[in-house]
Amino acid sequence: MLKKEILRKKGDFNAIYKAGKSVPERYIVLFYRKNDLPYNRTAFLASKKVGNSVQRNRAKRLMKESFRQNKDSFSVGYDLVFIARNTINGKKLEDVEKSLLNAARRGKVTGK
C-alpha cells in the first residue's frame, strides 16, 4: 500500500463519519465516502473493545490482508475505513475476507 493510499488526518476521518455511510457486518464495520481521487484511501482500526494489543494487531492484519487480496474488486475513488468488531477474535482469514467483501458489496463500493 502506498503512503498516499492511507488515511491519516483527523479531518478525513471526521468527514467520513459525518457525511459518509456505514455498513455493519458480522466481523467488521465499513465506513465509506467518495473522495473524487483516482485511487482509494483506506484505514484499518481496532478499538480496545477488541482485546489486548496482540488481538487488535491480529484483527488489523487480517483486515489488511483481506483487502490486499481483493483490492482489484473495489471501485476506485473512495475513502474506506474498516473497523474490527470484537467478534473477529479467533477467526480465520477466510471468515474476515468473506465479511469484508459482503460489506463492500452491500455498500456498493465493489466494481464487480
PDB file of N, CA and C in Angstrom:
ATOM      1  N   MET A   1       0.845  -1.169   0.000  1.00  0.00           N
ATOM      2  CA  MET A   1       0.000   0.000   0.000  1.00  0.00           C
ATOM      3  C   MET A   1       0.898   1.242   0.000  1.00  0.00           C
ATOM      4  N   LEU A   2       0.625   2.133  -0.898  1.00  0.00           N
ATOM      5  CA  LEU A   2       1.403   3.359  -0.977  1.00  0.00           C
ATOM      6  C   LEU A   2       1.005   4.329   0.131  1.00  0.00           C
ATOM      7  N   LYS A   3       1.915   5.246   0.443  1.00  0.00           N
ATOM      8  CA  LYS A   3       1.666   6.197   1.513  1.00  0.00           C
ATOM      9  C   LYS A   3       0.430   7.051   1.259  1.00  0.00           C
ATOM     10  N   LYS A   4       0.225   7.432   0.008  1.00  0.00           N
ATOM     11  CA  LYS A   4      -0.921   8.290  -0.310  1.00  0.00           C
ATOM     12  C   LYS A   4      -2.249   7.553  -0.179  1.00  0.00           C
ATOM     13  N   GLU A   5      -2.215   6.231  -0.125  1.00  0.00           N
ATOM     14  CA  GLU A   5      -3.436   5.428  -0.046  1.00  0.00           C
ATOM     15  C   GLU A   5      -3.873   5.134   1.387  1.00  0.00           C
ATOM     16  N   ILE A   6      -3.227   5.765   2.365  1.00  0.00           N
ATOM     17  CA  ILE A   6      -3.552   5.526   3.765  1.00  0.00           C
ATOM     18  C   ILE A   6      -4.174   6.787   4.352  1.00  0.00           C
ATOM     19  N   LEU A   7      -5.294   6.628   5.030  1.00  0.00           N
ATOM     20  CA  LEU A   7      -5.950   7.754   5.701  1.00  0.00           C
ATOM     21  C   LEU A   7      -5.236   8.030   7.018  1.00  0.00           C
ATOM     22  N   ARG A   8      -4.907   9.296   7.262  1.00  0.00           N
ATOM     23  CA  ARG A   8      -4.213   9.637   8.496  1.00  0.00           C
ATOM     24  C   ARG A   8      -4.800  10.851   9.213  1.00  0.00           C
ATOM     25  N   LYS A   9      -5.333  11.792   8.468  1.00  0.00           N
ATOM     26  CA  LYS A   9      -5.747  13.065   9.059  1.00  0.00           C
ATOM     27  C   LYS A   9      -7.089  12.956   9.767  1.00  0.00           C
ATOM     28  N   LYS A  10      -7.162  13.615  10.908  1.00  0.00           N
ATOM     29  CA  LYS A  10      -8.382  13.588  11.709  1.00  0.00           C
ATOM     30  C   LYS A  10      -9.567  14.160  10.941  1.00  0.00           C
ATOM     31  N   GLY A  11      -9.321  15.193  10.149  1.00  0.00           N
ATOM     32  CA  GLY A  11     -10.389  15.801   9.369  1.00  0.00           C
ATOM     33  C   GLY A  11     -10.990  14.836   8.356  1.00  0.00           C
ATOM     34  N   ASP A  12     -10.145  14.001   7.763  1.00  0.00           N
ATOM     35  CA  ASP A  12     -10.645  12.993   6.822  1.00  0.00           C
ATOM     36  C   ASP A  12     -11.551  11.992   7.528  1.00  0.00           C
ATOM     37  N   PHE A  13     -11.118  11.541   8.702  1.00  0.00           N
ATOM     38  CA  PHE A  13     -11.928  10.593   9.466  1.00  0.00           C
ATOM     39  C   PHE A  13     -13.259  11.230   9.876  1.00  0.00           C
ATOM     40  N   ASN A  14     -13.203  12.462  10.352  1.00  0.00           N
ATOM     41  CA  ASN A  14     -14.433  13.147  10.759  1.00  0.00           C
ATOM     42  C   ASN A  14     -15.396  13.307   9.590  1.00  0.00           C
ATOM     43  N   ALA A  15     -14.866  13.614   8.407  1.00  0.00           N
ATOM     44  CA  ALA A  15     -15.719  13.762   7.225  1.00  0.00           C
ATOM     45  C   ALA A  15     -16.378  12.439   6.862  1.00  0.00           C
ATOM     46  N   ILE A  16     -15.637  11.350   6.975  1.00  0.00           N
ATOM     47  CA  ILE A  16     -16.197  10.034   6.647  1.00  0.00           C
ATOM     48  C   ILE A  16     -17.286   9.658   7.641  1.00  0.00           C
ATOM     49  N   TYR A  17     -17.013   9.866   8.925  1.00  0.00           N
ATOM     50  CA  TYR A  17     -18.002   9.509   9.944  1.00  0.00           C
ATOM     51  C   TYR A  17     -19.248  10.390   9.847  1.00  0.00           C
ATOM     52  N   LYS A  18     -19.062  11.663   9.496  1.00  0.00           N
ATOM     53  CA  LYS A  18     -20.176  12.595   9.464  1.00  0.00           C
ATOM     54  C   LYS A  18     -20.984  12.494   8.170  1.00  0.00           C
ATOM     55  N   ALA A  19     -20.310  12.523   7.018  1.00  0.00           N
ATOM     56  CA  ALA A  19     -21.009  12.585   5.737  1.00  0.00           C
ATOM     57  C   ALA A  19     -21.019  11.255   4.988  1.00  0.00           C
ATOM     58  N   GLY A  20     -20.241  10.293   5.457  1.00  0.00           N
ATOM     59  CA  GLY A  20     -20.175   9.011   4.770  1.00  0.00           C
ATOM     60  C   GLY A  20     -21.291   8.071   5.187  1.00  0.00           C
ATOM     61  N   LYS A  21     -21.211   6.856   4.699  1.00  0.00           N
ATOM     62  CA  LYS A  21     -22.202   5.830   5.028  1.00  0.00           C
ATOM     63  C   LYS A  21     -21.500   4.668   5.703  1.00  0.00           C
ATOM     64  N   SER A  22     -22.266   3.859   6.420  1.00  0.00           N
ATOM     65  CA  SER A  22     -21.680   2.710   7.100  1.00  0.00           C
ATOM     66  C   SER A  22     -22.451   1.441   6.763  1.00  0.00           C
ATOM     67  N   VAL A  23     -21.715   0.344   6.787  1.00  0.00           N
ATOM     68  CA  VAL A  23     -22.306  -0.968   6.547  1.00  0.00           C
ATOM     69  C   VAL A  23     -21.799  -1.906   7.643  1.00  0.00           C
ATOM     70  N   PRO A  24     -22.685  -2.352   8.537  1.00  0.00           N
ATOM     71  CA  PRO A  24     -22.246  -3.312   9.564  1.00  0.00           C
ATOM     72  C   PRO A  24     -22.236  -4.727   8.995  1.00  0.00           C
ATOM     73  N   GLU A  25     -21.299  -5.489   9.445  1.00  0.00           N
ATOM     74  CA  GLU A  25     -21.176  -6.887   9.037  1.00  0.00           C
ATOM     75  C   GLU A  25     -20.791  -7.667  10.288  1.00  0.00           C
ATOM     76  N   ARG A  26     -20.733  -8.976  10.199  1.00  0.00           N
ATOM     77  CA  ARG A  26     -20.504  -9.806  11.379  1.00  0.00           C
ATOM     78  C   ARG A  26     -19.186  -9.483  12.097  1.00  0.00           C
ATOM     79  N   TYR A  27     -18.101  -9.332  11.354  1.00  0.00           N
ATOM     80  CA  TYR A  27     -16.792  -9.138  11.976  1.00  0.00           C
ATOM     81  C   TYR A  27     -16.220  -7.729  11.801  1.00  0.00           C
ATOM     82  N   ILE A  28     -16.777  -6.951  10.902  1.00  0.00           N
ATOM     83  CA  ILE A  28     -16.259  -5.601  10.668  1.00  0.00           C
ATOM     84  C   ILE A  28     -17.406  -4.626  10.448  1.00  0.00           C
ATOM     85  N   VAL A  29     -17.063  -3.343  10.513  1.00  0.00           N
ATOM     86  CA  VAL A  29     -17.973  -2.271  10.105  1.00  0.00           C
ATOM     87  C   VAL A  29     -17.215  -1.452   9.070  1.00  0.00           C
ATOM     88  N   LEU A  30     -17.848  -1.189   7.939  1.00  0.00           N
ATOM     89  CA  LEU A  30     -17.226  -0.427   6.872  1.00  0.00           C
ATOM     90  C   LEU A  30     -17.860   0.957   6.801  1.00  0.00           C
ATOM     91  N   PHE A  31     -17.036   1.988   6.917  1.00  0.00           N
ATOM     92  CA  PHE A  31     -17.460   3.361   6.665  1.00  0.00           C
ATOM     93  C   PHE A  31     -16.838   3.766   5.342  1.00  0.00           C
ATOM     94  N   TYR A  32     -17.616   4.410   4.472  1.00  0.00           N
ATOM     95  CA  TYR A  32     -17.080   4.796   3.167  1.00  0.00           C
ATOM     96  C   TYR A  32     -17.669   6.125   2.719  1.00  0.00           C
ATOM     97  N   ARG A  33     -16.914   6.775   1.841  1.00  0.00           N
ATOM     98  CA  ARG A  33     -17.324   8.065   1.288  1.00  0.00           C
ATOM     99  C   ARG A  33     -16.548   8.290   0.003  1.00  0.00           C
ATOM    100  N   LYS A  34     -17.182   8.886  -0.983  1.00  0.00           N
ATOM    101  CA  LYS A  34     -16.492   9.217  -2.238  1.00  0.00           C
ATOM    102  C   LYS A  34     -15.430  10.273  -1.973  1.00  0.00           C
ATOM    103  N   ASN A  35     -14.254  10.137  -2.653  1.00  0.00           N
ATOM    104  CA  ASN A  35     -13.193  11.117  -2.443  1.00  0.00           C
ATOM    105  C   ASN A  35     -12.754  11.816  -3.729  1.00  0.00           C
ATOM    106  N   ASP A  36     -13.308  11.437  -4.878  1.00  0.00           N
ATOM    107  CA  ASP A  36     -13.002  12.062  -6.171  1.00  0.00           C
ATOM    108  C   ASP A  36     -11.505  12.035  -6.505  1.00  0.00           C
ATOM    109  N   LEU A  37     -10.807  11.021  -6.052  1.00  0.00           N
ATOM    110  CA  LEU A  37      -9.402  10.810  -6.384  1.00  0.00           C
ATOM    111  C   LEU A  37      -9.295   9.574  -7.270  1.00  0.00           C
ATOM    112  N   PRO A  38      -8.216   9.429  -8.014  1.00  0.00           N
ATOM    113  CA  PRO A  38      -8.072   8.245  -8.882  1.00  0.00           C
ATOM    114  C   PRO A  38      -7.603   6.995  -8.138  1.00  0.00           C
ATOM    115  N   TYR A  39      -7.718   7.001  -6.812  1.00  0.00           N
ATOM    116  CA  TYR A  39      -7.324   5.841  -6.016  1.00  0.00           C
ATOM    117  C   TYR A  39      -8.138   5.827  -4.727  1.00  0.00           C
ATOM    118  N   ASN A  40      -8.128   4.695  -4.050  1.00  0.00           N
ATOM    119  CA  ASN A  40      -8.817   4.568  -2.768  1.00  0.00           C
ATOM    120  C   ASN A  40      -7.857   4.895  -1.636  1.00  0.00           C
ATOM    121  N   ARG A  41      -8.412   5.464  -0.569  1.00  0.00           N
ATOM    122  CA  ARG A  41      -7.634   5.652   0.655  1.00  0.00           C
ATOM    123  C   ARG A  41      -8.284   4.803   1.727  1.00  0.00           C
ATOM    124  N   THR A  42      -7.474   4.088   2.503  1.00  0.00           N
ATOM    125  CA  THR A  42      -8.011   3.142   3.475  1.00  0.00           C
ATOM    126  C   THR A  42      -7.435   3.364   4.862  1.00  0.00           C
ATOM    127  N   ALA A  43      -8.157   2.862   5.853  1.00  0.00           N
ATOM    128  CA  ALA A  43      -7.698   2.817   7.240  1.00  0.00           C
ATOM    129  C   ALA A  43      -8.284   1.560   7.866  1.00  0.00           C
ATOM    130  N   PHE A  44      -7.513   0.935   8.739  1.00  0.00           N
ATOM    131  CA  PHE A  44      -7.924  -0.284   9.423  1.00  0.00           C
ATOM    132  C   PHE A  44      -7.797  -0.041  10.922  1.00  0.00           C
ATOM    133  N   LEU A  45      -8.919  -0.116  11.643  1.00  0.00           N
ATOM    134  CA  LEU A  45      -8.944   0.227  13.052  1.00  0.00           C
ATOM    135  C   LEU A  45      -9.462  -0.919  13.902  1.00  0.00           C
ATOM    136  N   ALA A  46      -8.963  -0.977  15.134  1.00  0.00           N
ATOM    137  CA  ALA A  46      -9.464  -1.930  16.117  1.00  0.00           C
ATOM    138  C   ALA A  46      -9.403  -1.247  17.478  1.00  0.00           C
ATOM    139  N   SER A  47     -10.539  -1.080  18.127  1.00  0.00           N
ATOM    140  CA  SER A  47     -10.576  -0.396  19.414  1.00  0.00           C
ATOM    141  C   SER A  47     -10.172  -1.356  20.527  1.00  0.00           C
ATOM    142  N   LYS A  48     -10.068  -0.830  21.718  1.00  0.00           N
ATOM    143  CA  LYS A  48      -9.682  -1.662  22.860  1.00  0.00           C
ATOM    144  C   LYS A  48     -10.767  -2.671  23.221  1.00  0.00           C
ATOM    145  N   LYS A  49     -11.972  -2.476  22.697  1.00  0.00           N
ATOM    146  CA  LYS A  49     -13.040  -3.452  22.929  1.00  0.00           C
ATOM    147  C   LYS A  49     -12.722  -4.783  22.260  1.00  0.00           C
ATOM    148  N   VAL A  50     -11.870  -4.753  21.231  1.00  0.00           N
ATOM    149  CA  VAL A  50     -11.500  -5.981  20.517  1.00  0.00           C
ATOM    150  C   VAL A  50     -10.643  -6.862  21.409  1.00  0.00           C
ATOM    151  N   GLY A  51      -9.817  -6.268  22.258  1.00  0.00           N
ATOM    152  CA  GLY A  51      -8.979  -7.059  23.151  1.00  0.00           C
ATOM    153  C   GLY A  51      -7.644  -6.378  23.396  1.00  0.00           C
ATOM    154  N   ASN A  52      -6.668  -7.179  23.813  1.00  0.00           N
ATOM    155  CA  ASN A  52      -5.348  -6.614  24.087  1.00  0.00           C
ATOM    156  C   ASN A  52      -4.629  -6.301  22.776  1.00  0.00           C
ATOM    157  N   SER A  53      -3.406  -5.795  22.876  1.00  0.00           N
ATOM    158  CA  SER A  53      -2.700  -5.324  21.681  1.00  0.00           C
ATOM    159  C   SER A  53      -2.450  -6.445  20.682  1.00  0.00           C
ATOM    160  N   VAL A  54      -2.213  -7.639  21.156  1.00  0.00           N
ATOM    161  CA  VAL A  54      -1.985  -8.763  20.251  1.00  0.00           C
ATOM    162  C   VAL A  54      -3.233  -9.047  19.426  1.00  0.00           C
ATOM    163  N   GLN A  55      -4.390  -9.060  20.071  1.00  0.00           N
ATOM    164  CA  GLN A  55      -5.649  -9.324  19.371  1.00  0.00           C
ATOM    165  C   GLN A  55      -6.003  -8.191  18.420  1.00  0.00           C
ATOM    166  N   ARG A  56      -5.766  -6.947  18.831  1.00  0.00           N
ATOM    167  CA  ARG A  56      -6.055  -5.804  17.968  1.00  0.00           C
ATOM    168  C   ARG A  56      -5.166  -5.819  16.725  1.00  0.00           C
ATOM    169  N   ASN A  57      -3.888  -6.085  16.916  1.00  0.00           N
ATOM    170  CA  ASN A  57      -2.972  -6.121  15.771  1.00  0.00           C
ATOM    171  C   ASN A  57      -3.299  -7.265  14.829  1.00  0.00           C
ATOM    172  N   ARG A  58      -3.688  -8.414  15.365  1.00  0.00           N
ATOM    173  CA  ARG A  58      -4.082  -9.536  14.506  1.00  0.00           C
ATOM    174  C   ARG A  58      -5.325  -9.182  13.701  1.00  0.00           C
ATOM    175  N   ALA A  59      -6.280  -8.517  14.340  1.00  0.00           N
ATOM    176  CA  ALA A  59      -7.502  -8.113  13.643  1.00  0.00           C
ATOM    177  C   ALA A  59      -7.166  -7.171  12.492  1.00  0.00           C
ATOM    178  N   LYS A  60      -6.277  -6.213  12.735  1.00  0.00           N
ATOM    179  CA  LYS A  60      -5.892  -5.274  11.674  1.00  0.00           C
ATOM    180  C   LYS A  60      -5.142  -5.990  10.556  1.00  0.00           C
ATOM    181  N   ARG A  61      -4.273  -6.930  10.909  1.00  0.00           N
ATOM    182  CA  ARG A  61      -3.550  -7.688   9.885  1.00  0.00           C
ATOM    183  C   ARG A  61      -4.498  -8.508   9.020  1.00  0.00           C
ATOM    184  N   LEU A  62      -5.496  -9.128   9.644  1.00  0.00           N
ATOM    185  CA  LEU A  62      -6.477  -9.916   8.889  1.00  0.00           C
ATOM    186  C   LEU A  62      -7.261  -9.026   7.922  1.00  0.00           C
ATOM    187  N   MET A  63      -7.675  -7.855   8.379  1.00  0.00           N
ATOM    188  CA  MET A  63      -8.432  -6.944   7.504  1.00  0.00           C
ATOM    189  C   MET A  63      -7.559  -6.429   6.363  1.00  0.00           C
ATOM    190  N   LYS A  64      -6.309  -6.075   6.669  1.00  0.00           N
ATOM    191  CA  LYS A  64      -5.401  -5.583   5.634  1.00  0.00           C
ATOM    192  C   LYS A  64      -5.135  -6.638   4.571  1.00  0.00           C
ATOM    193  N   GLU A  65      -4.904  -7.866   4.997  1.00  0.00           N
ATOM    194  CA  GLU A  65      -4.628  -8.930   4.041  1.00  0.00           C
ATOM    195  C   GLU A  65      -5.867  -9.241   3.206  1.00  0.00           C
ATOM    196  N   SER A  66      -7.034  -9.233   3.819  1.00  0.00           N
ATOM    197  CA  SER A  66      -8.274  -9.465   3.071  1.00  0.00           C
ATOM    198  C   SER A  66      -8.470  -8.389   2.015  1.00  0.00           C
ATOM    199  N   PHE A  67      -8.198  -7.140   2.384  1.00  0.00           N
ATOM    200  CA  PHE A  67      -8.334  -6.046   1.427  1.00  0.00           C
ATOM    201  C   PHE A  67      -7.296  -6.174   0.322  1.00  0.00           C
ATOM    202  N   ARG A  68      -6.048  -6.491   0.687  1.00  0.00           N
ATOM    203  CA  ARG A  68      -4.968  -6.603  -0.291  1.00  0.00           C
ATOM    204  C   ARG A  68      -5.284  -7.661  -1.347  1.00  0.00           C
ATOM    205  N   GLN A  69      -5.807  -8.793  -0.907  1.00  0.00           N
ATOM    206  CA  GLN A  69      -6.112  -9.878  -1.843  1.00  0.00           C
ATOM    207  C   GLN A  69      -7.261  -9.535  -2.782  1.00  0.00           C
ATOM    208  N   ASN A  70      -8.126  -8.627  -2.375  1.00  0.00           N
ATOM    209  CA  ASN A  70      -9.311  -8.288  -3.171  1.00  0.00           C
ATOM    210  C   ASN A  70      -9.326  -6.841  -3.618  1.00  0.00           C
ATOM    211  N   LYS A  71      -8.180  -6.195  -3.622  1.00  0.00           N
ATOM    212  CA  LYS A  71      -8.081  -4.776  -3.941  1.00  0.00           C
ATOM    213  C   LYS A  71      -8.660  -4.450  -5.321  1.00  0.00           C
ATOM    214  N   ASP A  72      -8.491  -5.343  -6.280  1.00  0.00           N
ATOM    215  CA  ASP A  72      -8.954  -5.087  -7.643  1.00  0.00           C
ATOM    216  C   ASP A  72     -10.474  -5.112  -7.767  1.00  0.00           C
ATOM    217  N   SER A  73     -11.157  -5.734  -6.822  1.00  0.00           N
ATOM    218  CA  SER A  73     -12.611  -5.821  -6.927  1.00  0.00           C
ATOM    219  C   SER A  73     -13.311  -4.573  -6.363  1.00  0.00           C
ATOM    220  N   PHE A  74     -12.560  -3.642  -5.778  1.00  0.00           N
ATOM    221  CA  PHE A  74     -13.143  -2.419  -5.227  1.00  0.00           C
ATOM    222  C   PHE A  74     -13.185  -1.329  -6.285  1.00  0.00           C
ATOM    223  N   SER A  75     -14.243  -0.541  -6.279  1.00  0.00           N
ATOM    224  CA  SER A  75     -14.334   0.624  -7.160  1.00  0.00           C
ATOM    225  C   SER A  75     -13.306   1.655  -6.714  1.00  0.00           C
ATOM    226  N   VAL A  76     -12.880   2.482  -7.652  1.00  0.00           N
ATOM    227  CA  VAL A  76     -11.853   3.486  -7.364  1.00  0.00           C
ATOM    228  C   VAL A  76     -12.516   4.801  -6.974  1.00  0.00           C
ATOM    229  N   GLY A  77     -11.872   5.552  -6.079  1.00  0.00           N
ATOM    230  CA  GLY A  77     -12.364   6.873  -5.715  1.00  0.00           C
ATOM    231  C   GLY A  77     -13.130   6.918  -4.411  1.00  0.00           C
ATOM    232  N   TYR A  78     -12.769   6.057  -3.457  1.00  0.00           N
ATOM    233  CA  TYR A  78     -13.459   6.022  -2.170  1.00  0.00           C
ATOM    234  C   TYR A  78     -12.467   6.132  -1.023  1.00  0.00           C
ATOM    235  N   ASP A  79     -12.922   6.701   0.077  1.00  0.00           N
ATOM    236  CA  ASP A  79     -12.236   6.611   1.358  1.00  0.00           C
ATOM    237  C   ASP A  79     -12.921   5.487   2.113  1.00  0.00           C
ATOM    238  N   LEU A  80     -12.144   4.518   2.576  1.00  0.00           N
ATOM    239  CA  LEU A  80     -12.692   3.340   3.242  1.00  0.00           C
ATOM    240  C   LEU A  80     -12.087   3.204   4.631  1.00  0.00           C
ATOM    241  N   VAL A  81     -12.931   3.059   5.635  1.00  0.00           N
ATOM    242  CA  VAL A  81     -12.466   2.811   6.996  1.00  0.00           C
ATOM    243  C   VAL A  81     -13.066   1.481   7.438  1.00  0.00           C
ATOM    244  N   PHE A  82     -12.196   0.510   7.715  1.00  0.00           N
ATOM    245  CA  PHE A  82     -12.616  -0.801   8.190  1.00  0.00           C
ATOM    246  C   PHE A  82     -12.361  -0.858   9.686  1.00  0.00           C
ATOM    247  N   ILE A  83     -13.413  -1.109  10.460  1.00  0.00           N
ATOM    248  CA  ILE A  83     -13.303  -1.167  11.912  1.00  0.00           C
ATOM    249  C   ILE A  83     -13.631  -2.582  12.370  1.00  0.00           C
ATOM    250  N   ALA A  84     -12.719  -3.161  13.146  1.00  0.00           N
ATOM    251  CA  ALA A  84     -12.908  -4.529  13.637  1.00  0.00           C
ATOM    252  C   ALA A  84     -13.911  -4.539  14.786  1.00  0.00           C
ATOM    253  N   ARG A  85     -14.741  -5.571  14.808  1.00  0.00           N
ATOM    254  CA  ARG A  85     -15.642  -5.779  15.938  1.00  0.00           C
ATOM    255  C   ARG A  85     -15.018  -6.835  16.846  1.00  0.00           C
ATOM    256  N   ASN A  86     -15.487  -6.930  18.079  1.00  0.00           N
ATOM    257  CA  ASN A  86     -14.875  -7.891  18.993  1.00  0.00           C
ATOM    258  C   ASN A  86     -15.175  -9.340  18.602  1.00  0.00           C
ATOM    259  N   THR A  87     -16.098  -9.565  17.689  1.00  0.00           N
ATOM    260  CA  THR A  87     -16.393 -10.922  17.220  1.00  0.00           C
ATOM    261  C   THR A  87     -15.304 -11.456  16.286  1.00  0.00           C
ATOM    262  N   ILE A  88     -14.356 -10.614  15.896  1.00  0.00           N
ATOM    263  CA  ILE A  88     -13.298 -11.018  14.972  1.00  0.00           C
ATOM    264  C   ILE A  88     -12.258 -11.908  15.652  1.00  0.00           C
ATOM    265  N   ASN A  89     -12.211 -11.877  16.974  1.00  0.00           N
ATOM    266  CA  ASN A  89     -11.211 -12.658  17.713  1.00  0.00           C
ATOM    267  C   ASN A  89     -11.339 -14.147  17.425  1.00  0.00           C
ATOM    268  N   GLY A  90     -10.223 -14.765  17.091  1.00  0.00           N
ATOM    269  CA  GLY A  90     -10.181 -16.206  16.857  1.00  0.00           C
ATOM    270  C   GLY A  90     -10.677 -16.633  15.488  1.00  0.00           C
ATOM    271  N   LYS A  91     -10.963 -15.701  14.595  1.00  0.00           N
ATOM    272  CA  LYS A  91     -11.476 -16.050  13.269  1.00  0.00           C
ATOM    273  C   LYS A  91     -10.342 -16.212  12.273  1.00  0.00           C
ATOM    274  N   LYS A  92     -10.601 -16.974  11.242  1.00  0.00           N
ATOM    275  CA  LYS A  92      -9.626 -17.227  10.181  1.00  0.00           C
ATOM    276  C   LYS A  92      -9.721 -16.124   9.121  1.00  0.00           C
ATOM    277  N   LEU A  93      -8.698 -16.063   8.284  1.00  0.00           N
ATOM    278  CA  LEU A  93      -8.637 -15.073   7.216  1.00  0.00           C
ATOM    279  C   LEU A  93      -9.840 -15.197   6.283  1.00  0.00           C
ATOM    280  N   GLU A  94     -10.253 -16.412   5.971  1.00  0.00           N
ATOM    281  CA  GLU A  94     -11.369 -16.621   5.046  1.00  0.00           C
ATOM    282  C   GLU A  94     -12.662 -16.012   5.591  1.00  0.00           C
ATOM    283  N   ASP A  95     -12.874 -16.142   6.906  1.00  0.00           N
ATOM    284  CA  ASP A  95     -14.085 -15.579   7.522  1.00  0.00           C
ATOM    285  C   ASP A  95     -14.088 -14.053   7.435  1.00  0.00           C
ATOM    286  N   VAL A  96     -12.936 -13.453   7.734  1.00  0.00           N
ATOM    287  CA  VAL A  96     -12.828 -11.999   7.702  1.00  0.00           C
ATOM    288  C   VAL A  96     -12.962 -11.495   6.269  1.00  0.00           C
ATOM    289  N   GLU A  97     -12.354 -12.226   5.331  1.00  0.00           N
ATOM    290  CA  GLU A  97     -12.427 -11.842   3.919  1.00  0.00           C
ATOM    291  C   GLU A  97     -13.865 -11.863   3.420  1.00  0.00           C
ATOM    292  N   LYS A  98     -14.592 -12.888   3.801  1.00  0.00           N
ATOM    293  CA  LYS A  98     -15.996 -13.000   3.397  1.00  0.00           C
ATOM    294  C   LYS A  98     -16.821 -11.842   3.967  1.00  0.00           C
ATOM    295  N   SER A  99     -16.581 -11.505   5.227  1.00  0.00           N
ATOM    296  CA  SER A  99     -17.285 -10.403   5.873  1.00  0.00           C
ATOM    297  C   SER A  99     -16.942  -9.070   5.208  1.00  0.00           C
ATOM    298  N   LEU A 100     -15.667  -8.866   4.893  1.00  0.00           N
ATOM    299  CA  LEU A 100     -15.218  -7.633   4.249  1.00  0.00           C
ATOM    300  C   LEU A 100     -15.850  -7.483   2.870  1.00  0.00           C
ATOM    301  N   LEU A 101     -15.870  -8.550   2.092  1.00  0.00           N
ATOM    302  CA  LEU A 101     -16.457  -8.485   0.751  1.00  0.00           C
ATOM    303  C   LEU A 101     -17.962  -8.290   0.799  1.00  0.00           C
ATOM    304  N   ASN A 102     -18.628  -8.900   1.774  1.00  0.00           N
ATOM    305  CA  ASN A 102     -20.071  -8.701   1.928  1.00  0.00           C
ATOM    306  C   ASN A 102     -20.389  -7.241   2.260  1.00  0.00           C
ATOM    307  N   ALA A 103     -19.590  -6.649   3.148  1.00  0.00           N
ATOM    308  CA  ALA A 103     -19.799  -5.246   3.500  1.00  0.00           C
ATOM    309  C   ALA A 103     -19.578  -4.365   2.275  1.00  0.00           C
ATOM    310  N   ALA A 104     -18.545  -4.638   1.501  1.00  0.00           N
ATOM    311  CA  ALA A 104     -18.252  -3.837   0.299  1.00  0.00           C
ATOM    312  C   ALA A 104     -19.368  -3.993  -0.732  1.00  0.00           C
ATOM    313  N   ARG A 105     -19.867  -5.197  -0.898  1.00  0.00           N
ATOM    314  CA  ARG A 105     -20.941  -5.440  -1.857  1.00  0.00           C
ATOM    315  C   ARG A 105     -22.225  -4.737  -1.419  1.00  0.00           C
ATOM    316  N   ARG A 106     -22.540  -4.811  -0.129  1.00  0.00           N
ATOM    317  CA  ARG A 106     -23.743  -4.151   0.380  1.00  0.00           C
ATOM    318  C   ARG A 106     -23.633  -2.630   0.312  1.00  0.00           C
ATOM    319  N   GLY A 107     -22.412  -2.111   0.442  1.00  0.00           N
ATOM    320  CA  GLY A 107     -22.195  -0.669   0.338  1.00  0.00           C
ATOM    321  C   GLY A 107     -22.007  -0.186  -1.083  1.00  0.00           C
ATOM    322  N   LYS A 108     -22.016  -1.125  -2.022  1.00  0.00           N
ATOM    323  CA  LYS A 108     -21.868  -0.821  -3.452  1.00  0.00           C
ATOM    324  C   LYS A 108     -20.552  -0.104  -3.756  1.00  0.00           C
ATOM    325  N   VAL A 109     -19.472  -0.544  -3.105  1.00  0.00           N
ATOM    326  CA  VAL A 109     -18.145   0.007  -3.400  1.00  0.00           C
ATOM    327  C   VAL A 109     -17.287  -1.010  -4.151  1.00  0.00           C
ATOM    328  N   THR A 110     -17.912  -2.076  -4.632  1.00  0.00           N
ATOM    329  CA  THR A 110     -17.193  -3.038  -5.451  1.00  0.00           C
ATOM    330  C   THR A 110     -17.456  -2.731  -6.915  1.00  0.00           C
ATOM    331  N   GLY A 111     -16.447  -2.973  -7.729  1.00  0.00           N
ATOM    332  CA  GLY A 111     -16.596  -2.734  -9.166  1.00  0.00           C
ATOM    333  C   GLY A 111     -17.243  -3.894  -9.870  1.00  0.00           C
ATOM    334  N   LYS A 112     -17.286  -5.048  -9.223  1.00  0.00           N
ATOM    335  CA  LYS A 112     -17.833  -6.257  -9.871  1.00  0.00           C
ATOM    336  C   LYS A 112     -19.155  -6.630  -9.288  1.00  0.00           C
TER     337      LYS A 112
END
